Amino acid sequence: MQTETLDFPMSSGAAVWSNPTMRRSDLVQHKEKEKGTVSRTSQIVFGERQHLLRVLDSLEGTDIPIARRQQERRILEELIHARTRELNQINVAWDEKIGLVLSADAKPEMLEKLAKQAPEEDFYLLRLISEHPRANAKTLGKLAKHPYGAIRENVARHPNADASTLAWLSRDRSQPLWYLVAFNPNTPLPCSAACAIA
């Protein structure tokens, strides 16, 4: 696997590597980056929490002095709890809502309600809803307008997306969704042919 360095200054001797196999839409572009800040979406905060949990798991199996292990465990647990609080600031009862979406009993009406109530910054929850097999056409129509590309990609390939949503997505010039729309069985024939030509 090939790696590449990112193009921004780092501290002395440090290098950051990116994975070239990431989907382009996973590299979310924000206008805030131009101003030097990056908004912290639920996808970012959840990823950080997952990494901290893995470090904590790794620490538990490490042969280091007990005092050091306890100190590092305390620090990691504080960081994990801070990320949990941050997720709950983005969307109250965040973990419970994720559990509802991941449940085998998730109903289309509940997914619609969660999508309607979720703040735009809750990329992770909305991405899960956009790929859920029980998401209805109305929910997918709302999610088709979300700024996060991975959500729009999920809608473009979703079997429950309706013809009007797919036609709208085929005109999205911010990313090549026309290709996904063209292969969706719900895409109207004229749109499907036009997408294939684009």
Protein backbone atom coordinates (compact mmCIF):
# COMPACT_ATOMS: atom_id res chain seq x y z
CA MET A 1 0.00 0.00 0.00
CA GLN A 2 1.28 3.42 -0.94
CA THR A 3 1.22 6.37 1.46
CA GLU A 4 1.68 10.08 1.03
CA THR A 5 2.42 13.02 3.31
CA LEU A 6 -0.06 15.82 3.79
CA ASP A 7 0.83 19.31 2.62
CA PHE A 8 0.92 21.38 5.77
CA PRO A 9 3.72 22.33 8.17
CA MET A 10 4.36 20.00 11.07
CA SER A 11 6.45 20.25 14.21
CA SER A 12 10.12 19.34 13.90
CA GLY A 13 10.57 15.91 12.37
CA ALA A 14 6.89 14.95 12.55
CA ALA A 15 5.09 13.57 9.51
CA VAL A 16 1.44 12.78 9.00
CA TRP A 17 0.44 10.04 6.60
CA SER A 18 -2.84 9.76 4.79
CA ASN A 19 -4.45 6.64 3.45
CA PRO A 20 -4.92 7.01 -0.31
CA THR A 21 -7.71 4.41 -0.27
CA MET A 22 -10.05 6.69 1.70
CA ARG A 23 -13.14 7.78 -0.16
CA ARG A 24 -12.87 11.34 -1.36
CA SER A 25 -16.08 12.18 0.49
CA ASP A 26 -14.49 11.09 3.79
CA LEU A 27 -12.18 14.07 3.47
CA VAL A 28 -14.90 16.58 4.26
CA GLN A 29 -14.12 20.07 3.04
CA HIS A 30 -15.24 22.94 5.26
CA LYS A 31 -15.12 26.66 4.64
CA GLU A 32 -13.84 26.99 8.21
CA LYS A 33 -10.52 25.41 7.10
CA GLU A 34 -9.81 28.57 5.11
CA LYS A 35 -10.06 30.53 8.36
CA GLY A 36 -7.78 28.12 10.23
CA THR A 37 -10.46 26.22 12.18
CA VAL A 38 -12.18 22.91 11.53
CA SER A 39 -15.66 22.20 12.86
CA ARG A 40 -15.82 19.06 14.97
CA THR A 41 -18.60 16.90 13.64
CA SER A 42 -19.86 13.78 15.40
CA GLN A 43 -17.92 11.67 12.90
CA ILE A 44 -14.63 13.24 14.02
CA VAL A 45 -15.40 13.12 17.76
CA PHE A 46 -16.70 9.53 17.57
CA GLY A 47 -13.54 8.48 15.69
CA GLU A 48 -11.37 10.05 18.38
CA ARG A 49 -13.33 8.27 21.11
CA GLN A 50 -12.97 4.92 19.32
CA HIS A 51 -9.21 5.41 19.03
CA LEU A 52 -8.93 6.31 22.71
CA LEU A 53 -10.89 3.16 23.63
CA ARG A 54 -8.44 1.07 21.57
CA VAL A 55 -5.49 2.70 23.35
CA LEU A 56 -7.14 1.94 26.70
CA ASP A 57 -7.64 -1.70 25.66
CA SER A 58 -4.00 -1.89 24.59
CA LEU A 59 -2.86 -0.38 27.88
CA GLU A 60 -4.69 -3.02 29.89
CA GLY A 61 -2.60 -5.78 28.29
CA THR A 62 0.73 -3.99 28.63
CA ASP A 63 3.40 -4.98 31.14
CA ILE A 64 4.18 -1.62 32.74
CA PRO A 65 4.42 -0.57 36.38
CA ILE A 66 1.01 -0.46 38.11
CA ALA A 67 1.29 3.22 39.11
CA ARG A 68 1.99 4.25 35.51
CA ARG A 69 -0.84 2.06 34.17
CA GLN A 70 -3.30 3.57 36.65
CA GLN A 71 -2.23 7.12 35.80
CA GLU A 72 -2.50 6.52 32.05
CA ARG A 73 -5.85 4.74 32.49
CA ARG A 74 -7.18 7.75 34.43
CA ILE A 75 -6.02 10.17 31.70
CA LEU A 76 -7.50 8.04 28.90
CA GLU A 77 -10.81 7.63 30.74
CA GLU A 78 -11.02 11.42 31.20
CA LEU A 79 -10.41 11.92 27.47
CA ILE A 80 -13.02 9.29 26.57
CA HIS A 81 -15.59 10.91 28.88
CA ALA A 82 -14.79 14.33 27.39
CA ARG A 83 -15.53 12.98 23.87
CA THR A 84 -18.79 11.45 25.13
CA ARG A 85 -19.81 14.83 26.59
CA GLU A 86 -18.90 16.50 23.30
CA LEU A 87 -21.07 14.03 21.35
CA ASN A 88 -23.97 14.77 23.71
CA GLN A 89 -23.45 18.51 23.12
CA ILE A 90 -23.76 17.91 19.37
CA ASN A 91 -26.92 15.80 19.82
CA VAL A 92 -28.42 15.01 23.25
CA ALA A 93 -28.42 11.28 24.15
CA TRP A 94 -26.14 10.62 21.17
CA ASP A 95 -25.18 7.02 22.02
CA GLU A 96 -28.82 6.07 22.57
CA LYS A 97 -29.80 7.50 19.18
CA ILE A 98 -26.99 5.60 17.48
CA GLY A 99 -28.24 2.45 19.21
CA LEU A 100 -31.76 3.09 17.90
CA VAL A 101 -30.50 3.44 14.31
CA LEU A 102 -28.36 0.30 14.59
CA SER A 103 -31.23 -1.69 16.09
CA ALA A 104 -32.79 -4.44 13.99
CA ASP A 105 -36.17 -3.02 15.09
CA ALA A 106 -35.58 0.44 13.57
CA LYS A 107 -38.75 1.68 11.89
CA PRO A 108 -38.85 4.13 8.94
CA GLU A 109 -40.84 6.64 11.01
CA MET A 110 -38.25 6.61 13.79
CA LEU A 111 -35.40 7.09 11.29
CA GLU A 112 -37.30 10.00 9.74
CA LYS A 113 -37.82 11.61 13.16
CA LEU A 114 -34.15 11.17 14.12
CA ALA A 115 -33.00 12.65 10.78
CA LYS A 116 -35.36 15.61 11.20
CA GLN A 117 -34.22 16.33 14.77
CA ALA A 118 -30.48 15.80 14.23
CA PRO A 119 -28.29 18.87 13.88
CA GLU A 120 -26.34 19.18 10.63
CA GLU A 121 -23.06 18.54 12.53
CA ASP A 122 -24.18 15.03 13.45
CA PHE A 123 -22.53 13.54 10.36
CA TYR A 124 -22.17 10.07 11.88
CA LEU A 125 -25.83 9.60 12.85
CA LEU A 126 -27.09 11.04 9.57
CA ARG A 127 -24.67 8.86 7.57
CA LEU A 128 -25.96 5.76 9.37
CA ILE A 129 -29.55 6.77 8.61
CA SER A 130 -28.70 7.44 4.94
CA GLU A 131 -27.45 3.87 4.51
CA HIS A 132 -30.15 2.20 6.61
CA PRO A 133 -32.26 -0.23 4.53
CA ARG A 134 -35.48 1.03 6.15
CA ALA A 135 -34.91 4.74 5.47
CA ASN A 136 -37.90 5.97 3.48
CA ALA A 137 -37.95 8.22 0.41
CA LYS A 138 -38.92 11.31 2.45
CA THR A 139 -35.96 10.87 4.81
CA LEU A 140 -33.60 10.25 1.90
CA GLY A 141 -34.93 13.36 0.13
CA LYS A 142 -33.98 15.47 3.15
CA LEU A 143 -30.56 13.82 3.48
CA ALA A 144 -29.81 14.35 -0.24
CA LYS A 145 -29.28 18.04 0.57
CA HIS A 146 -26.76 17.44 3.40
CA PRO A 147 -23.30 19.01 2.88
CA TYR A 148 -21.42 15.79 3.75
CA GLY A 149 -20.64 13.96 0.51
CA ALA A 150 -20.77 10.43 1.96
CA ILE A 151 -24.40 11.02 2.97
CA ARG A 152 -25.33 12.17 -0.53
CA GLU A 153 -23.48 9.14 -1.98
CA ASN A 154 -25.49 6.80 0.24
CA VAL A 155 -28.73 8.44 -0.88
CA ALA A 156 -27.73 8.18 -4.57
CA ARG A 157 -27.24 4.42 -4.28
CA HIS A 158 -30.12 3.73 -1.85
CA PRO A 159 -32.89 1.49 -3.22
CA ASN A 160 -35.59 3.57 -1.46
CA ALA A 161 -34.55 6.89 -3.01
CA ASP A 162 -37.33 8.23 -5.22
CA ALA A 163 -37.01 9.51 -8.79
CA SER A 164 -37.15 13.23 -7.90
CA THR A 165 -34.38 12.89 -5.30
CA LEU A 166 -32.22 10.94 -7.74
CA ALA A 167 -32.82 13.50 -10.51
CA TRP A 168 -31.79 16.28 -8.10
CA LEU A 169 -28.64 14.38 -7.07
CA SER A 170 -27.68 13.76 -10.71
CA ARG A 171 -27.34 17.54 -11.12
CA ASP A 172 -24.98 17.85 -8.10
CA ARG A 173 -21.71 19.14 -9.58
CA SER A 174 -19.81 19.14 -6.27
CA GLN A 175 -19.08 15.43 -6.72
CA PRO A 176 -19.70 12.79 -9.40
CA LEU A 177 -22.99 11.44 -8.05
CA TRP A 178 -24.41 11.01 -11.56
CA TYR A 179 -22.58 7.68 -11.79
CA LEU A 180 -24.24 6.29 -8.65
CA VAL A 181 -27.60 7.72 -9.71
CA ALA A 182 -27.31 6.12 -13.16
CA PHE A 183 -27.09 2.66 -11.61
CA ASN A 184 -29.90 3.13 -9.11
CA PRO A 185 -32.90 1.08 -10.29
CA ASN A 186 -35.29 3.90 -9.28
CA THR A 187 -33.70 6.42 -11.63
CA PRO A 188 -36.11 7.36 -14.44
CA LEU A 189 -34.90 6.16 -17.85
CA PRO A 190 -34.31 9.63 -19.41
CA CYS A 191 -32.25 10.67 -16.37
CA SER A 192 -30.40 7.35 -16.34
CA ALA A 193 -29.40 7.77 -19.99
CA ALA A 194 -28.38 11.40 -19.45
CA CYS A 195 -26.31 10.39 -16.43
CA ALA A 196 -24.49 7.72 -18.44
CA ILE A 197 -23.58 10.32 -21.09
CA ALA A 198 -22.37 12.88 -18.52
